[in-house]
Every structure is written in C-alpha cells, then in structure tokens.
Amino acid sequence: MIGVQIKIEGTTVGAITDVDGNFTIKAQKGNILLFSYVGYEQQKITYKGEKVLAVSYTHLRAHETRGNL
C-alpha cells in the first residue's frame, strides 16, 4: 500500500511507503514500529532485525472505532 506511515514508537523517526509498499527505516532490534493508514487499525510490530516485514491491515468500516471492534 502506498502512503502507509511507519514510525519508531517514542521517537520522531519515521518513513512512508512508496508506490510498491516499500520503505526504509533505521531501526534497532527491540524497537516498536507503528504502522498507520487512514481507515485502517494501527499495527504495532516489534522489530527483530528482519530485512523484510510483512504487515497485514484491518480495515475499519465507517461506523467502527477501536472501542467497538
């Protein structure tokens, strides 16, 4: 997905995915990566040193919020 925002939790370090869904970010093992995109539930993934991460997204319908999922 293009335009997904990735941020290292607790920092201002971040990136945005390109047209192919790729991104580069300087993270250290143990950092928590936050993935967010409008209309989708935010994902938190602990970075373990992988070169490639596969992230799945949960789509939120217009009437849903985190509180009533």
C-alpha atoms as a PDB file:
ATOM      1  CA  MET A   1       0.000   0.000   0.000  1.00  0.00           C
ATOM      2  CA  ILE A   2       1.278   3.432  -0.863  1.00  0.00           C
ATOM      3  CA  GLY A   3       1.357   6.118   1.835  1.00  0.00           C
ATOM      4  CA  VAL A   4       1.450   3.954   4.979  1.00  0.00           C
ATOM      5  CA  GLN A   5       3.139   5.856   7.800  1.00  0.00           C
ATOM      6  CA  ILE A   6       5.763   3.990   9.802  1.00  0.00           C
ATOM      7  CA  LYS A   7       7.205   5.419  12.995  1.00  0.00           C
ATOM      8  CA  ILE A   8       9.520   4.107  15.700  1.00  0.00           C
ATOM      9  CA  GLU A   9       7.483   4.366  18.902  1.00  0.00           C
ATOM     10  CA  GLY A  10       8.694   7.075  21.264  1.00  0.00           C
ATOM     11  CA  THR A  11      10.768   8.855  18.620  1.00  0.00           C
ATOM     12  CA  THR A  12      10.326  11.219  15.704  1.00  0.00           C
ATOM     13  CA  VAL A  13      11.971   8.728  13.303  1.00  0.00           C
ATOM     14  CA  GLY A  14       9.607   7.658  10.566  1.00  0.00           C
ATOM     15  CA  ALA A  15       9.022   6.766   6.936  1.00  0.00           C
ATOM     16  CA  ILE A  16       6.224   6.466   4.381  1.00  0.00           C
ATOM     17  CA  THR A  17       5.752   3.562   1.982  1.00  0.00           C
ATOM     18  CA  ASP A  18       6.335   4.109  -1.721  1.00  0.00           C
ATOM     19  CA  VAL A  19       4.079   3.153  -4.641  1.00  0.00           C
ATOM     20  CA  ASP A  20       5.093  -0.519  -4.209  1.00  0.00           C
ATOM     21  CA  GLY A  21       4.607  -0.532  -0.417  1.00  0.00           C
ATOM     22  CA  ASN A  22       8.347  -0.474   0.285  1.00  0.00           C
ATOM     23  CA  PHE A  23      10.035   1.628   2.944  1.00  0.00           C
ATOM     24  CA  THR A  24      13.391   2.071   4.643  1.00  0.00           C
ATOM     25  CA  ILE A  25      13.808   2.991   8.287  1.00  0.00           C
ATOM     26  CA  LYS A  26      16.795   2.837  10.640  1.00  0.00           C
ATOM     27  CA  ALA A  27      15.530   0.707  13.499  1.00  0.00           C
ATOM     28  CA  GLN A  28      17.286  -1.311  16.168  1.00  0.00           C
ATOM     29  CA  LYS A  29      16.272  -4.728  17.449  1.00  0.00           C
ATOM     30  CA  GLY A  30      13.578  -4.282  20.071  1.00  0.00           C
ATOM     31  CA  ASN A  31      12.197  -1.027  18.608  1.00  0.00           C
ATOM     32  CA  ILE A  32       8.429  -0.982  18.230  1.00  0.00           C
ATOM     33  CA  LEU A  33       7.319   0.049  14.744  1.00  0.00           C
ATOM     34  CA  LEU A  34       3.919   1.711  14.413  1.00  0.00           C
ATOM     35  CA  PHE A  35       2.154   1.314  11.065  1.00  0.00           C
ATOM     36  CA  SER A  36      -0.809   3.587  10.350  1.00  0.00           C
ATOM     37  CA  TYR A  37      -3.008   4.362   7.379  1.00  0.00           C
ATOM     38  CA  VAL A  38      -6.285   6.269   7.186  1.00  0.00           C
ATOM     39  CA  GLY A  39      -9.227   3.901   7.598  1.00  0.00           C
ATOM     40  CA  TYR A  40      -7.152   1.034   9.000  1.00  0.00           C
ATOM     41  CA  GLU A  41      -6.350  -0.066  12.529  1.00  0.00           C
ATOM     42  CA  GLN A  42      -2.829   0.883  13.654  1.00  0.00           C
ATOM     43  CA  GLN A  43      -0.402  -2.050  13.849  1.00  0.00           C
ATOM     44  CA  LYS A  44       2.475  -2.381  16.329  1.00  0.00           C
ATOM     45  CA  ILE A  45       5.334  -4.711  15.458  1.00  0.00           C
ATOM     46  CA  THR A  46       8.471  -5.320  17.497  1.00  0.00           C
ATOM     47  CA  TYR A  47      11.471  -5.181  15.172  1.00  0.00           C
ATOM     48  CA  LYS A  48      13.662  -8.292  15.492  1.00  0.00           C
ATOM     49  CA  GLY A  49      16.266  -7.464  12.846  1.00  0.00           C
ATOM     50  CA  GLU A  50      14.351  -8.745   9.827  1.00  0.00           C
ATOM     51  CA  LYS A  51      15.271  -7.401   6.393  1.00  0.00           C
ATOM     52  CA  VAL A  52      11.665  -7.812   5.199  1.00  0.00           C
ATOM     53  CA  LEU A  53       8.464  -7.319   7.224  1.00  0.00           C
ATOM     54  CA  ALA A  54       5.023  -8.500   6.177  1.00  0.00           C
ATOM     55  CA  VAL A  55       2.268  -6.397   7.710  1.00  0.00           C
ATOM     56  CA  SER A  56      -1.465  -7.069   7.452  1.00  0.00           C
ATOM     57  CA  TYR A  57      -4.035  -4.358   7.997  1.00  0.00           C
ATOM     58  CA  THR A  58      -7.531  -4.457   9.468  1.00  0.00           C
ATOM     59  CA  HIS A  59      -9.915  -2.175   7.588  1.00  0.00           C
ATOM     60  CA  LEU A  60     -12.239  -0.093   9.762  1.00  0.00           C
ATOM     61  CA  ARG A  61     -15.702   0.488   8.347  1.00  0.00           C
ATOM     62  CA  ALA A  62     -17.147   3.989   8.679  1.00  0.00           C
ATOM     63  CA  HIS A  63     -19.220   3.120  11.776  1.00  0.00           C
ATOM     64  CA  GLU A  64     -16.431   1.304  13.641  1.00  0.00           C
ATOM     65  CA  THR A  65     -13.991   2.594  16.199  1.00  0.00           C
ATOM     66  CA  ARG A  66     -11.411   0.730  18.239  1.00  0.00           C
ATOM     67  CA  GLY A  67     -13.812   0.695  21.164  1.00  0.00           C
ATOM     68  CA  ASN A  68     -16.480  -1.356  19.435  1.00  0.00           C
ATOM     69  CA  LEU A  69     -14.479  -3.828  17.327  1.00  0.00           C
END
